[in-house]
Amino acid sequence: MKIKNISLAWIATSDIAKAKSFFGETLGLQVSDDSQDQGWLELRAKDDSFTLGIGAVNDEHQNSPIEPGHNAVITFTVDDIESAKKELEAKEISVYDIIEIPGHVKMSFMQDFDGNLFQIVQPLN
């Protein structure tokens, strides 16, 4: 098997409407598929490079072995990680200390309201 690309990653959420607000309004991703009645939402980066899927896991939608707050880490690339960290913290989003791998990347973890961990990254090369 040969992987062509990675175009979608998804997470589980306890509140899909709150997820839409967090990822759409707070982080600025654009909704590309709003199927909240089916427990699904997709958001895209502004340059259409990636899609984030969000699946509801609650009393109405329990068909997933994934629980909110237990997901793979997805990275969001930024031009200036220090500015991004300040902006997120101003919006009361939990952001960890910035770690640098010299010559490669600066990175920091952040959490959404369900405890899902993400990374913001700034490539250095």
PDB file of N, CA and C in Angstrom:
ATOM      1  N   MET A   1       0.844  -1.177   0.000  1.00  0.00           N
ATOM      2  CA  MET A   1       0.000   0.000   0.000  1.00  0.00           C
ATOM      3  C   MET A   1       0.889   1.240   0.000  1.00  0.00           C
ATOM      4  N   LYS A   2       0.497   2.221  -0.784  1.00  0.00           N
ATOM      5  CA  LYS A   2       1.221   3.483  -0.869  1.00  0.00           C
ATOM      6  C   LYS A   2       0.275   4.615  -0.483  1.00  0.00           C
ATOM      7  N   ILE A   3       0.664   5.378   0.525  1.00  0.00           N
ATOM      8  CA  ILE A   3      -0.143   6.509   0.953  1.00  0.00           C
ATOM      9  C   ILE A   3       0.062   7.662  -0.029  1.00  0.00           C
ATOM     10  N   LYS A   4      -1.017   8.179  -0.590  1.00  0.00           N
ATOM     11  CA  LYS A   4      -0.927   9.277  -1.542  1.00  0.00           C
ATOM     12  C   LYS A   4      -0.739  10.613  -0.822  1.00  0.00           C
ATOM     13  N   ASN A   5      -1.554  10.870   0.188  1.00  0.00           N
ATOM     14  CA  ASN A   5      -1.441  12.088   0.984  1.00  0.00           C
ATOM     15  C   ASN A   5      -2.243  11.935   2.265  1.00  0.00           C
ATOM     16  N   ILE A   6      -2.124  12.884   3.114  1.00  0.00           N
ATOM     17  CA  ILE A   6      -2.953  12.947   4.312  1.00  0.00           C
ATOM     18  C   ILE A   6      -3.819  14.181   4.160  1.00  0.00           C
ATOM     19  N   SER A   7      -5.110  13.978   3.980  1.00  0.00           N
ATOM     20  CA  SER A   7      -5.982  15.112   3.720  1.00  0.00           C
ATOM     21  C   SER A   7      -7.050  15.312   4.783  1.00  0.00           C
ATOM     22  N   LEU A   8      -7.214  14.335   5.677  1.00  0.00           N
ATOM     23  CA  LEU A   8      -8.231  14.452   6.718  1.00  0.00           C
ATOM     24  C   LEU A   8      -7.744  13.764   7.974  1.00  0.00           C
ATOM     25  N   ALA A   9      -7.932  14.403   9.066  1.00  0.00           N
ATOM     26  CA  ALA A   9      -7.790  13.787  10.378  1.00  0.00           C
ATOM     27  C   ALA A   9      -9.030  14.203  11.143  1.00  0.00           C
ATOM     28  N   TRP A  10      -9.451  13.369  12.070  1.00  0.00           N
ATOM     29  CA  TRP A  10     -10.649  13.742  12.806  1.00  0.00           C
ATOM     30  C   TRP A  10     -10.494  13.462  14.284  1.00  0.00           C
ATOM     31  N   ILE A  11     -11.321  14.162  15.030  1.00  0.00           N
ATOM     32  CA  ILE A  11     -11.352  14.022  16.476  1.00  0.00           C
ATOM     33  C   ILE A  11     -12.795  13.798  16.917  1.00  0.00           C
ATOM     34  N   ALA A  12     -12.951  13.335  18.130  1.00  0.00           N
ATOM     35  CA  ALA A  12     -14.273  13.171  18.723  1.00  0.00           C
ATOM     36  C   ALA A  12     -14.572  14.378  19.610  1.00  0.00           C
ATOM     37  N   THR A  13     -15.849  14.743  19.674  1.00  0.00           N
ATOM     38  CA  THR A  13     -16.250  15.855  20.528  1.00  0.00           C
ATOM     39  C   THR A  13     -17.528  15.507  21.281  1.00  0.00           C
ATOM     40  N   SER A  14     -17.676  16.087  22.443  1.00  0.00           N
ATOM     41  CA  SER A  14     -18.896  15.919  23.230  1.00  0.00           C
ATOM     42  C   SER A  14     -19.963  16.940  22.839  1.00  0.00           C
ATOM     43  N   ASP A  15     -19.576  17.994  22.100  1.00  0.00           N
ATOM     44  CA  ASP A  15     -20.507  19.069  21.755  1.00  0.00           C
ATOM     45  C   ASP A  15     -20.119  19.624  20.383  1.00  0.00           C
ATOM     46  N   ILE A  16     -20.799  19.157  19.348  1.00  0.00           N
ATOM     47  CA  ILE A  16     -20.417  19.516  17.986  1.00  0.00           C
ATOM     48  C   ILE A  16     -20.666  21.001  17.685  1.00  0.00           C
ATOM     49  N   ALA A  17     -21.691  21.593  18.265  1.00  0.00           N
ATOM     50  CA  ALA A  17     -21.934  23.027  18.046  1.00  0.00           C
ATOM     51  C   ALA A  17     -20.808  23.851  18.675  1.00  0.00           C
ATOM     52  N   LYS A  18     -20.380  23.454  19.857  1.00  0.00           N
ATOM     53  CA  LYS A  18     -19.277  24.158  20.516  1.00  0.00           C
ATOM     54  C   LYS A  18     -17.981  23.960  19.725  1.00  0.00           C
ATOM     55  N   ALA A  19     -17.794  22.763  19.155  1.00  0.00           N
ATOM     56  CA  ALA A  19     -16.617  22.492  18.320  1.00  0.00           C
ATOM     57  C   ALA A  19     -16.626  23.383  17.079  1.00  0.00           C
ATOM     58  N   LYS A  20     -17.798  23.546  16.473  1.00  0.00           N
ATOM     59  CA  LYS A  20     -17.915  24.411  15.293  1.00  0.00           C
ATOM     60  C   LYS A  20     -17.505  25.836  15.639  1.00  0.00           C
ATOM     61  N   SER A  21     -17.951  26.322  16.774  1.00  0.00           N
ATOM     62  CA  SER A  21     -17.589  27.671  17.215  1.00  0.00           C
ATOM     63  C   SER A  21     -16.090  27.773  17.505  1.00  0.00           C
ATOM     64  N   PHE A  22     -15.544  26.795  18.209  1.00  0.00           N
ATOM     65  CA  PHE A  22     -14.126  26.832  18.582  1.00  0.00           C
ATOM     66  C   PHE A  22     -13.228  26.805  17.354  1.00  0.00           C
ATOM     67  N   PHE A  23     -13.430  25.818  16.472  1.00  0.00           N
ATOM     68  CA  PHE A  23     -12.534  25.670  15.324  1.00  0.00           C
ATOM     69  C   PHE A  23     -12.839  26.665  14.212  1.00  0.00           C
ATOM     70  N   GLY A  24     -14.118  27.042  14.049  1.00  0.00           N
ATOM     71  CA  GLY A  24     -14.491  27.989  13.009  1.00  0.00           C
ATOM     72  C   GLY A  24     -14.248  29.432  13.406  1.00  0.00           C
ATOM     73  N   GLU A  25     -14.871  29.859  14.498  1.00  0.00           N
ATOM     74  CA  GLU A  25     -14.780  31.268  14.891  1.00  0.00           C
ATOM     75  C   GLU A  25     -13.474  31.582  15.629  1.00  0.00           C
ATOM     76  N   THR A  26     -13.107  30.748  16.587  1.00  0.00           N
ATOM     77  CA  THR A  26     -11.923  31.055  17.396  1.00  0.00           C
ATOM     78  C   THR A  26     -10.631  30.839  16.621  1.00  0.00           C
ATOM     79  N   LEU A  27     -10.505  29.687  15.934  1.00  0.00           N
ATOM     80  CA  LEU A  27      -9.263  29.391  15.212  1.00  0.00           C
ATOM     81  C   LEU A  27      -9.288  29.800  13.744  1.00  0.00           C
ATOM     82  N   GLY A  28     -10.454  30.121  13.202  1.00  0.00           N
ATOM     83  CA  GLY A  28     -10.531  30.645  11.839  1.00  0.00           C
ATOM     84  C   GLY A  28     -10.569  29.610  10.732  1.00  0.00           C
ATOM     85  N   LEU A  29     -10.850  28.332  11.054  1.00  0.00           N
ATOM     86  CA  LEU A  29     -11.020  27.341   9.990  1.00  0.00           C
ATOM     87  C   LEU A  29     -12.382  27.549   9.342  1.00  0.00           C
ATOM     88  N   GLN A  30     -12.513  27.125   8.084  1.00  0.00           N
ATOM     89  CA  GLN A  30     -13.745  27.345   7.348  1.00  0.00           C
ATOM     90  C   GLN A  30     -14.544  26.055   7.232  1.00  0.00           C
ATOM     91  N   VAL A  31     -15.827  26.123   7.569  1.00  0.00           N
ATOM     92  CA  VAL A  31     -16.703  24.953   7.516  1.00  0.00           C
ATOM     93  C   VAL A  31     -16.889  24.535   6.063  1.00  0.00           C
ATOM     94  N   SER A  32     -16.607  23.249   5.776  1.00  0.00           N
ATOM     95  CA  SER A  32     -16.801  22.736   4.418  1.00  0.00           C
ATOM     96  C   SER A  32     -17.917  21.694   4.357  1.00  0.00           C
ATOM     97  N   ASP A  33     -18.285  21.099   5.487  1.00  0.00           N
ATOM     98  CA  ASP A  33     -19.380  20.127   5.550  1.00  0.00           C
ATOM     99  C   ASP A  33     -19.991  20.231   6.933  1.00  0.00           C
ATOM    100  N   ASP A  34     -21.221  20.690   6.993  1.00  0.00           N
ATOM    101  CA  ASP A  34     -21.907  20.853   8.272  1.00  0.00           C
ATOM    102  C   ASP A  34     -23.068  19.868   8.330  1.00  0.00           C
ATOM    103  N   SER A  35     -22.798  18.673   8.829  1.00  0.00           N
ATOM    104  CA  SER A  35     -23.812  17.627   8.953  1.00  0.00           C
ATOM    105  C   SER A  35     -24.020  17.320  10.436  1.00  0.00           C
ATOM    106  N   GLN A  36     -24.287  18.368  11.205  1.00  0.00           N
ATOM    107  CA  GLN A  36     -24.426  18.201  12.642  1.00  0.00           C
ATOM    108  C   GLN A  36     -25.551  17.243  13.008  1.00  0.00           C
ATOM    109  N   ASP A  37     -26.593  17.179  12.167  1.00  0.00           N
ATOM    110  CA  ASP A  37     -27.691  16.244  12.440  1.00  0.00           C
ATOM    111  C   ASP A  37     -27.232  14.789  12.339  1.00  0.00           C
ATOM    112  N   GLN A  38     -26.138  14.555  11.635  1.00  0.00           N
ATOM    113  CA  GLN A  38     -25.551  13.214  11.541  1.00  0.00           C
ATOM    114  C   GLN A  38     -24.330  13.070  12.447  1.00  0.00           C
ATOM    115  N   GLY A  39     -24.050  14.109  13.222  1.00  0.00           N
ATOM    116  CA  GLY A  39     -22.933  14.062  14.142  1.00  0.00           C
ATOM    117  C   GLY A  39     -21.587  14.260  13.479  1.00  0.00           C
ATOM    118  N   TRP A  40     -21.538  15.028  12.405  1.00  0.00           N
ATOM    119  CA  TRP A  40     -20.287  15.205  11.660  1.00  0.00           C
ATOM    120  C   TRP A  40     -20.124  16.645  11.201  1.00  0.00           C
ATOM    121  N   LEU A  41     -18.883  17.103  11.237  1.00  0.00           N
ATOM    122  CA  LEU A  41     -18.536  18.449  10.813  1.00  0.00           C
ATOM    123  C   LEU A  41     -17.157  18.386  10.187  1.00  0.00           C
ATOM    124  N   GLU A  42     -16.942  19.105   9.099  1.00  0.00           N
ATOM    125  CA  GLU A  42     -15.611  19.212   8.498  1.00  0.00           C
ATOM    126  C   GLU A  42     -15.256  20.676   8.332  1.00  0.00           C
ATOM    127  N   LEU A  43     -13.998  20.983   8.654  1.00  0.00           N
ATOM    128  CA  LEU A  43     -13.475  22.339   8.509  1.00  0.00           C
ATOM    129  C   LEU A  43     -12.171  22.274   7.745  1.00  0.00           C
ATOM    130  N   ARG A  44     -11.920  23.295   6.935  1.00  0.00           N
ATOM    131  CA  ARG A  44     -10.716  23.322   6.107  1.00  0.00           C
ATOM    132  C   ARG A  44      -9.859  24.526   6.450  1.00  0.00           C
ATOM    133  N   ALA A  45      -8.569  24.350   6.231  1.00  0.00           N
ATOM    134  CA  ALA A  45      -7.638  25.467   6.338  1.00  0.00           C
ATOM    135  C   ALA A  45      -7.942  26.439   5.202  1.00  0.00           C
ATOM    136  N   LYS A  46      -7.593  27.694   5.372  1.00  0.00           N
ATOM    137  CA  LYS A  46      -7.902  28.710   4.358  1.00  0.00           C
ATOM    138  C   LYS A  46      -7.281  28.407   3.005  1.00  0.00           C
ATOM    139  N   ASP A  47      -6.127  27.706   2.990  1.00  0.00           N
ATOM    140  CA  ASP A  47      -5.495  27.382   1.704  1.00  0.00           C
ATOM    141  C   ASP A  47      -5.951  26.021   1.171  1.00  0.00           C
ATOM    142  N   ASP A  48      -6.990  25.435   1.783  1.00  0.00           N
ATOM    143  CA  ASP A  48      -7.550  24.138   1.378  1.00  0.00           C
ATOM    144  C   ASP A  48      -6.551  22.995   1.449  1.00  0.00           C
ATOM    145  N   SER A  49      -5.507  23.140   2.272  1.00  0.00           N
ATOM    146  CA  SER A  49      -4.474  22.109   2.337  1.00  0.00           C
ATOM    147  C   SER A  49      -4.851  20.922   3.206  1.00  0.00           C
ATOM    148  N   PHE A  50      -5.864  21.079   4.052  1.00  0.00           N
ATOM    149  CA  PHE A  50      -6.151  20.021   5.012  1.00  0.00           C
ATOM    150  C   PHE A  50      -7.582  20.140   5.511  1.00  0.00           C
ATOM    151  N   THR A  51      -8.199  18.996   5.824  1.00  0.00           N
ATOM    152  CA  THR A  51      -9.541  18.982   6.390  1.00  0.00           C
ATOM    153  C   THR A  51      -9.515  18.342   7.760  1.00  0.00           C
ATOM    154  N   LEU A  52     -10.145  18.998   8.716  1.00  0.00           N
ATOM    155  CA  LEU A  52     -10.321  18.471  10.062  1.00  0.00           C
ATOM    156  C   LEU A  52     -11.749  18.004  10.189  1.00  0.00           C
ATOM    157  N   GLY A  53     -11.937  16.721  10.461  1.00  0.00           N
ATOM    158  CA  GLY A  53     -13.265  16.168  10.701  1.00  0.00           C
ATOM    159  C   GLY A  53     -13.527  16.113  12.192  1.00  0.00           C
ATOM    160  N   ILE A  54     -14.779  16.341  12.575  1.00  0.00           N
ATOM    161  CA  ILE A  54     -15.169  16.306  13.981  1.00  0.00           C
ATOM    162  C   ILE A  54     -16.425  15.462  14.089  1.00  0.00           C
ATOM    163  N   GLY A  55     -16.316  14.375  14.857  1.00  0.00           N
ATOM    164  CA  GLY A  55     -17.442  13.470  15.044  1.00  0.00           C
ATOM    165  C   GLY A  55     -18.013  13.594  16.444  1.00  0.00           C
ATOM    166  N   ALA A  56     -19.340  13.674  16.521  1.00  0.00           N
ATOM    167  CA  ALA A  56     -20.010  13.774  17.816  1.00  0.00           C
ATOM    168  C   ALA A  56     -20.037  12.419  18.506  1.00  0.00           C
ATOM    169  N   VAL A  57     -19.704  12.421  19.772  1.00  0.00           N
ATOM    170  CA  VAL A  57     -19.818  11.234  20.610  1.00  0.00           C
ATOM    171  C   VAL A  57     -20.617  11.671  21.831  1.00  0.00           C
ATOM    172  N   ASN A  58     -21.897  11.346  21.816  1.00  0.00           N
ATOM    173  CA  ASN A  58     -22.799  11.724  22.904  1.00  0.00           C
ATOM    174  C   ASN A  58     -23.958  10.733  22.940  1.00  0.00           C
ATOM    175  N   ASP A  59     -25.001  11.018  23.669  1.00  0.00           N
ATOM    176  CA  ASP A  59     -26.124  10.087  23.793  1.00  0.00           C
ATOM    177  C   ASP A  59     -26.754   9.739  22.449  1.00  0.00           C
ATOM    178  N   GLU A  60     -26.803  10.711  21.529  1.00  0.00           N
ATOM    179  CA  GLU A  60     -27.410  10.483  20.216  1.00  0.00           C
ATOM    180  C   GLU A  60     -26.464   9.794  19.238  1.00  0.00           C
ATOM    181  N   HIS A  61     -25.172  10.070  19.347  1.00  0.00           N
ATOM    182  CA  HIS A  61     -24.175   9.528  18.421  1.00  0.00           C
ATOM    183  C   HIS A  61     -23.105   8.785  19.231  1.00  0.00           C
ATOM    184  N   GLN A  62     -23.263   7.465  19.329  1.00  0.00           N
ATOM    185  CA  GLN A  62     -22.328   6.675  20.134  1.00  0.00           C
ATOM    186  C   GLN A  62     -21.629   5.598  19.307  1.00  0.00           C
ATOM    187  N   ASN A  63     -21.448   5.810  18.037  1.00  0.00           N
ATOM    188  CA  ASN A  63     -20.896   4.771  17.161  1.00  0.00           C
ATOM    189  C   ASN A  63     -19.380   4.841  17.005  1.00  0.00           C
ATOM    190  N   SER A  64     -18.689   5.456  17.936  1.00  0.00           N
ATOM    191  CA  SER A  64     -17.245   5.613  17.810  1.00  0.00           C
ATOM    192  C   SER A  64     -16.522   5.047  19.022  1.00  0.00           C
ATOM    193  N   PRO A  65     -15.409   4.344  18.781  1.00  0.00           N
ATOM    194  CA  PRO A  65     -14.599   3.886  19.915  1.00  0.00           C
ATOM    195  C   PRO A  65     -13.708   5.002  20.466  1.00  0.00           C
ATOM    196  N   ILE A  66     -13.662   6.122  19.778  1.00  0.00           N
ATOM    197  CA  ILE A  66     -12.852   7.263  20.185  1.00  0.00           C
ATOM    198  C   ILE A  66     -13.663   8.126  21.141  1.00  0.00           C
ATOM    199  N   GLU A  67     -13.027   8.528  22.232  1.00  0.00           N
ATOM    200  CA  GLU A  67     -13.677   9.406  23.189  1.00  0.00           C
ATOM    201  C   GLU A  67     -13.095  10.818  23.064  1.00  0.00           C
ATOM    202  N   PRO A  68     -13.904  11.828  23.372  1.00  0.00           N
ATOM    203  CA  PRO A  68     -13.361  13.184  23.363  1.00  0.00           C
ATOM    204  C   PRO A  68     -12.136  13.278  24.268  1.00  0.00           C
ATOM    205  N   GLY A  69     -11.127  13.961  23.777  1.00  0.00           N
ATOM    206  CA  GLY A  69      -9.908  14.138  24.550  1.00  0.00           C
ATOM    207  C   GLY A  69      -8.888  13.036  24.351  1.00  0.00           C
ATOM    208  N   HIS A  70      -9.163  12.072  23.469  1.00  0.00           N
ATOM    209  CA  HIS A  70      -8.242  10.965  23.184  1.00  0.00           C
ATOM    210  C   HIS A  70      -8.044  10.869  21.679  1.00  0.00           C
ATOM    211  N   ASN A  71      -7.119  11.633  21.157  1.00  0.00           N
ATOM    212  CA  ASN A  71      -6.949  11.658  19.718  1.00  0.00           C
ATOM    213  C   ASN A  71      -5.479  11.749  19.329  1.00  0.00           C
ATOM    214  N   ALA A  72      -5.209  11.566  18.067  1.00  0.00           N
ATOM    215  CA  ALA A  72      -3.866  11.784  17.531  1.00  0.00           C
ATOM    216  C   ALA A  72      -3.602  13.283  17.528  1.00  0.00           C
ATOM    217  N   VAL A  73      -2.352  13.651  17.576  1.00  0.00           N
ATOM    218  CA  VAL A  73      -2.012  15.073  17.573  1.00  0.00           C
ATOM    219  C   VAL A  73      -2.020  15.589  16.143  1.00  0.00           C
ATOM    220  N   ILE A  74      -2.717  16.657  15.945  1.00  0.00           N
ATOM    221  CA  ILE A  74      -2.790  17.334  14.656  1.00  0.00           C
ATOM    222  C   ILE A  74      -2.032  18.643  14.811  1.00  0.00           C
ATOM    223  N   THR A  75      -1.252  19.008  13.810  1.00  0.00           N
ATOM    224  CA  THR A  75      -0.471  20.233  13.907  1.00  0.00           C
ATOM    225  C   THR A  75      -1.033  21.321  13.008  1.00  0.00           C
ATOM    226  N   PHE A  76      -0.975  22.539  13.518  1.00  0.00           N
ATOM    227  CA  PHE A  76      -1.378  23.722  12.769  1.00  0.00           C
ATOM    228  C   PHE A  76      -0.123  24.571  12.553  1.00  0.00           C
ATOM    229  N   THR A  77       0.278  24.764  11.306  1.00  0.00           N
ATOM    230  CA  THR A  77       1.480  25.533  10.986  1.00  0.00           C
ATOM    231  C   THR A  77       1.164  27.028  11.023  1.00  0.00           C
ATOM    232  N   VAL A  78       2.051  27.790  11.677  1.00  0.00           N
ATOM    233  CA  VAL A  78       1.901  29.244  11.766  1.00  0.00           C
ATOM    234  C   VAL A  78       3.207  29.906  11.337  1.00  0.00           C
ATOM    235  N   ASP A  79       3.130  31.191  10.982  1.00  0.00           N
ATOM    236  CA  ASP A  79       4.329  31.930  10.596  1.00  0.00           C
ATOM    237  C   ASP A  79       5.125  32.403  11.801  1.00  0.00           C
ATOM    238  N   ASP A  80       4.423  32.744  12.891  1.00  0.00           N
ATOM    239  CA  ASP A  80       5.070  33.302  14.071  1.00  0.00           C
ATOM    240  C   ASP A  80       4.439  32.684  15.311  1.00  0.00           C
ATOM    241  N   ILE A  81       5.104  31.690  15.891  1.00  0.00           N
ATOM    242  CA  ILE A  81       4.523  30.936  16.997  1.00  0.00           C
ATOM    243  C   ILE A  81       4.351  31.777  18.257  1.00  0.00           C
ATOM    244  N   GLU A  82       5.268  32.712  18.501  1.00  0.00           N
ATOM    245  CA  GLU A  82       5.138  33.562  19.687  1.00  0.00           C
ATOM    246  C   GLU A  82       3.862  34.405  19.607  1.00  0.00           C
ATOM    247  N   SER A  83       3.601  34.983  18.442  1.00  0.00           N
ATOM    248  CA  SER A  83       2.373  35.772  18.255  1.00  0.00           C
ATOM    249  C   SER A  83       1.135  34.887  18.353  1.00  0.00           C
ATOM    250  N   ALA A  84       1.204  33.701  17.763  1.00  0.00           N
ATOM    251  CA  ALA A  84       0.071  32.775  17.811  1.00  0.00           C
ATOM    252  C   ALA A  84      -0.233  32.371  19.252  1.00  0.00           C
ATOM    253  N   LYS A  85       0.804  32.101  20.024  1.00  0.00           N
ATOM    254  CA  LYS A  85       0.627  31.712  21.428  1.00  0.00           C
ATOM    255  C   LYS A  85      -0.053  32.834  22.206  1.00  0.00           C
ATOM    256  N   LYS A  86       0.408  34.056  22.014  1.00  0.00           N
ATOM    257  CA  LYS A  86      -0.188  35.212  22.705  1.00  0.00           C
ATOM    258  C   LYS A  86      -1.653  35.386  22.314  1.00  0.00           C
ATOM    259  N   GLU A  87      -1.945  35.226  21.019  1.00  0.00           N
ATOM    260  CA  GLU A  87      -3.316  35.381  20.539  1.00  0.00           C
ATOM    261  C   GLU A  87      -4.234  34.325  21.152  1.00  0.00           C
ATOM    262  N   LEU A  88      -3.771  33.069  21.190  1.00  0.00           N
ATOM    263  CA  LEU A  88      -4.572  31.998  21.775  1.00  0.00           C
ATOM    264  C   LEU A  88      -4.784  32.211  23.270  1.00  0.00           C
ATOM    265  N   GLU A  89      -3.734  32.585  23.974  1.00  0.00           N
ATOM    266  CA  GLU A  89      -3.846  32.827  25.410  1.00  0.00           C
ATOM    267  C   GLU A  89      -4.800  33.988  25.705  1.00  0.00           C
ATOM    268  N   ALA A  90      -4.819  34.991  24.842  1.00  0.00           N
ATOM    269  CA  ALA A  90      -5.747  36.108  25.005  1.00  0.00           C
ATOM    270  C   ALA A  90      -7.198  35.646  24.868  1.00  0.00           C
ATOM    271  N   LYS A  91      -7.405  34.532  24.157  1.00  0.00           N
ATOM    272  CA  LYS A  91      -8.739  33.949  23.998  1.00  0.00           C
ATOM    273  C   LYS A  91      -8.996  32.863  25.050  1.00  0.00           C
ATOM    274  N   GLU A  92      -8.137  32.835  26.082  1.00  0.00           N
ATOM    275  CA  GLU A  92      -8.243  31.907  27.210  1.00  0.00           C
ATOM    276  C   GLU A  92      -8.133  30.448  26.788  1.00  0.00           C
ATOM    277  N   ILE A  93      -7.297  30.194  25.779  1.00  0.00           N
ATOM    278  CA  ILE A  93      -7.010  28.835  25.333  1.00  0.00           C
ATOM    279  C   ILE A  93      -5.723  28.388  26.011  1.00  0.00           C
ATOM    280  N   SER A  94      -5.724  27.195  26.568  1.00  0.00           N
ATOM    281  CA  SER A  94      -4.548  26.659  27.248  1.00  0.00           C
ATOM    282  C   SER A  94      -3.454  26.344  26.226  1.00  0.00           C
ATOM    283  N   VAL A  95      -2.298  27.002  26.386  1.00  0.00           N
ATOM    284  CA  VAL A  95      -1.166  26.807  25.483  1.00  0.00           C
ATOM    285  C   VAL A  95       0.070  26.501  26.317  1.00  0.00           C
ATOM    286  N   TYR A  96       0.795  25.463  25.958  1.00  0.00           N
ATOM    287  CA  TYR A  96       1.991  25.049  26.676  1.00  0.00           C
ATOM    288  C   TYR A  96       3.185  25.921  26.278  1.00  0.00           C
ATOM    289  N   ASP A  97       4.298  25.742  26.983  1.00  0.00           N
ATOM    290  CA  ASP A  97       5.524  26.460  26.646  1.00  0.00           C
ATOM    291  C   ASP A  97       6.000  26.070  25.249  1.00  0.00           C
ATOM    292  N   ILE A  98       6.643  27.004  24.580  1.00  0.00           N
ATOM    293  CA  ILE A  98       7.196  26.756  23.251  1.00  0.00           C
ATOM    294  C   ILE A  98       8.497  25.970  23.396  1.00  0.00           C
ATOM    295  N   ILE A  99       8.610  24.927  22.606  1.00  0.00           N
ATOM    296  CA  ILE A  99       9.813  24.100  22.553  1.00  0.00           C
ATOM    297  C   ILE A  99      10.433  24.295  21.177  1.00  0.00           C
ATOM    298  N   GLU A 100      11.759  24.407  21.124  1.00  0.00           N
ATOM    299  CA  GLU A 100      12.432  24.575  19.839  1.00  0.00           C
ATOM    300  C   GLU A 100      13.378  23.418  19.572  1.00  0.00           C
ATOM    301  N   ILE A 101      13.275  22.882  18.367  1.00  0.00           N
ATOM    302  CA  ILE A 101      14.266  21.945  17.862  1.00  0.00           C
ATOM    303  C   ILE A 101      15.092  22.773  16.884  1.00  0.00           C
ATOM    304  N   PRO A 102      16.305  23.199  17.303  1.00  0.00           N
ATOM    305  CA  PRO A 102      17.106  24.145  16.515  1.00  0.00           C
ATOM    306  C   PRO A 102      17.248  23.743  15.043  1.00  0.00           C
ATOM    307  N   GLY A 103      17.001  24.724  14.188  1.00  0.00           N
ATOM    308  CA  GLY A 103      17.127  24.505  12.752  1.00  0.00           C
ATOM    309  C   GLY A 103      15.968  23.756  12.125  1.00  0.00           C
ATOM    310  N   HIS A 104      14.997  23.333  12.928  1.00  0.00           N
ATOM    311  CA  HIS A 104      13.899  22.534  12.392  1.00  0.00           C
ATOM    312  C   HIS A 104      12.528  23.163  12.660  1.00  0.00           C
ATOM    313  N   VAL A 105      12.162  23.298  13.943  1.00  0.00           N
ATOM    314  CA  VAL A 105      10.801  23.719  14.263  1.00  0.00           C
ATOM    315  C   VAL A 105      10.705  24.280  15.675  1.00  0.00           C
ATOM    316  N   LYS A 106       9.765  25.205  15.850  1.00  0.00           N
ATOM    317  CA  LYS A 106       9.313  25.621  17.173  1.00  0.00           C
ATOM    318  C   LYS A 106       7.899  25.083  17.303  1.00  0.00           C
ATOM    319  N   MET A 107       7.553  24.582  18.496  1.00  0.00           N
ATOM    320  CA  MET A 107       6.228  23.981  18.650  1.00  0.00           C
ATOM    321  C   MET A 107       5.697  24.168  20.056  1.00  0.00           C
ATOM    322  N   SER A 108       4.379  24.123  20.159  1.00  0.00           N
ATOM    323  CA  SER A 108       3.704  24.243  21.436  1.00  0.00           C
ATOM    324  C   SER A 108       2.386  23.486  21.369  1.00  0.00           C
ATOM    325  N   PHE A 109       2.055  22.789  22.442  1.00  0.00           N
ATOM    326  CA  PHE A 109       0.748  22.140  22.528  1.00  0.00           C
ATOM    327  C   PHE A 109      -0.308  23.152  22.931  1.00  0.00           C
ATOM    328  N   MET A 110      -1.519  22.923  22.478  1.00  0.00           N
ATOM    329  CA  MET A 110      -2.700  23.667  22.910  1.00  0.00           C
ATOM    330  C   MET A 110      -3.825  22.662  23.073  1.00  0.00           C
ATOM    331  N   GLN A 111      -4.851  23.026  23.834  1.00  0.00           N
ATOM    332  CA  GLN A 111      -5.988  22.140  24.062  1.00  0.00           C
ATOM    333  C   GLN A 111      -7.283  22.815  23.656  1.00  0.00           C
ATOM    334  N   ASP A 112      -8.205  22.000  23.120  1.00  0.00           N
ATOM    335  CA  ASP A 112      -9.551  22.520  22.902  1.00  0.00           C
ATOM    336  C   ASP A 112     -10.362  22.277  24.170  1.00  0.00           C
ATOM    337  N   PHE A 113     -11.644  22.580  24.138  1.00  0.00           N
ATOM    338  CA  PHE A 113     -12.504  22.493  25.325  1.00  0.00           C
ATOM    339  C   PHE A 113     -12.755  21.056  25.792  1.00  0.00           C
ATOM    340  N   ASP A 114     -12.529  20.051  24.923  1.00  0.00           N
ATOM    341  CA  ASP A 114     -12.688  18.647  25.313  1.00  0.00           C
ATOM    342  C   ASP A 114     -11.397  18.038  25.837  1.00  0.00           C
ATOM    343  N   GLY A 115     -10.293  18.779  25.774  1.00  0.00           N
ATOM    344  CA  GLY A 115      -9.006  18.242  26.197  1.00  0.00           C
ATOM    345  C   GLY A 115      -8.212  17.615  25.065  1.00  0.00           C
ATOM    346  N   ASN A 116      -8.710  17.710  23.814  1.00  0.00           N
ATOM    347  CA  ASN A 116      -7.945  17.229  22.670  1.00  0.00           C
ATOM    348  C   ASN A 116      -6.688  18.075  22.538  1.00  0.00           C
ATOM    349  N   LEU A 117      -5.544  17.422  22.380  1.00  0.00           N
ATOM    350  CA  LEU A 117      -4.277  18.131  22.225  1.00  0.00           C
ATOM    351  C   LEU A 117      -3.951  18.342  20.759  1.00  0.00           C
ATOM    352  N   PHE A 118      -3.498  19.529  20.448  1.00  0.00           N
ATOM    353  CA  PHE A 118      -3.038  19.908  19.125  1.00  0.00           C
ATOM    354  C   PHE A 118      -1.685  20.580  19.303  1.00  0.00           C
ATOM    355  N   GLN A 119      -0.959  20.743  18.214  1.00  0.00           N
ATOM    356  CA  GLN A 119       0.275  21.503  18.269  1.00  0.00           C
ATOM    357  C   GLN A 119       0.195  22.647  17.271  1.00  0.00           C
ATOM    358  N   ILE A 120       0.713  23.789  17.698  1.00  0.00           N
ATOM    359  CA  ILE A 120       1.000  24.846  16.735  1.00  0.00           C
ATOM    360  C   ILE A 120       2.499  24.752  16.470  1.00  0.00           C
ATOM    361  N   VAL A 121       2.876  24.875  15.205  1.00  0.00           N
ATOM    362  CA  VAL A 121       4.274  24.708  14.831  1.00  0.00           C
ATOM    363  C   VAL A 121       4.711  25.830  13.903  1.00  0.00           C
ATOM    364  N   GLN A 122       5.972  26.201  14.037  1.00  0.00           N
ATOM    365  CA  GLN A 122       6.590  27.172  13.130  1.00  0.00           C
ATOM    366  C   GLN A 122       7.846  26.529  12.563  1.00  0.00           C
ATOM    367  N   PRO A 123       7.796  26.133  11.289  1.00  0.00           N
ATOM    368  CA  PRO A 123       9.019  25.576  10.678  1.00  0.00           C
ATOM    369  C   PRO A 123      10.123  26.621  10.663  1.00  0.00           C
ATOM    370  N   LEU A 124      11.345  26.179  10.893  1.00  0.00           N
ATOM    371  CA  LEU A 124      12.485  27.099  10.931  1.00  0.00           C
ATOM    372  C   LEU A 124      13.366  27.007   9.690  1.00  0.00           C
ATOM    373  N   ASN A 125      13.041  26.149   8.774  1.00  0.00           N
ATOM    374  CA  ASN A 125      13.862  26.051   7.560  1.00  0.00           C
ATOM    375  C   ASN A 125      13.080  26.431   6.341  1.00  0.00           C
TER     376      ASN A 125
END
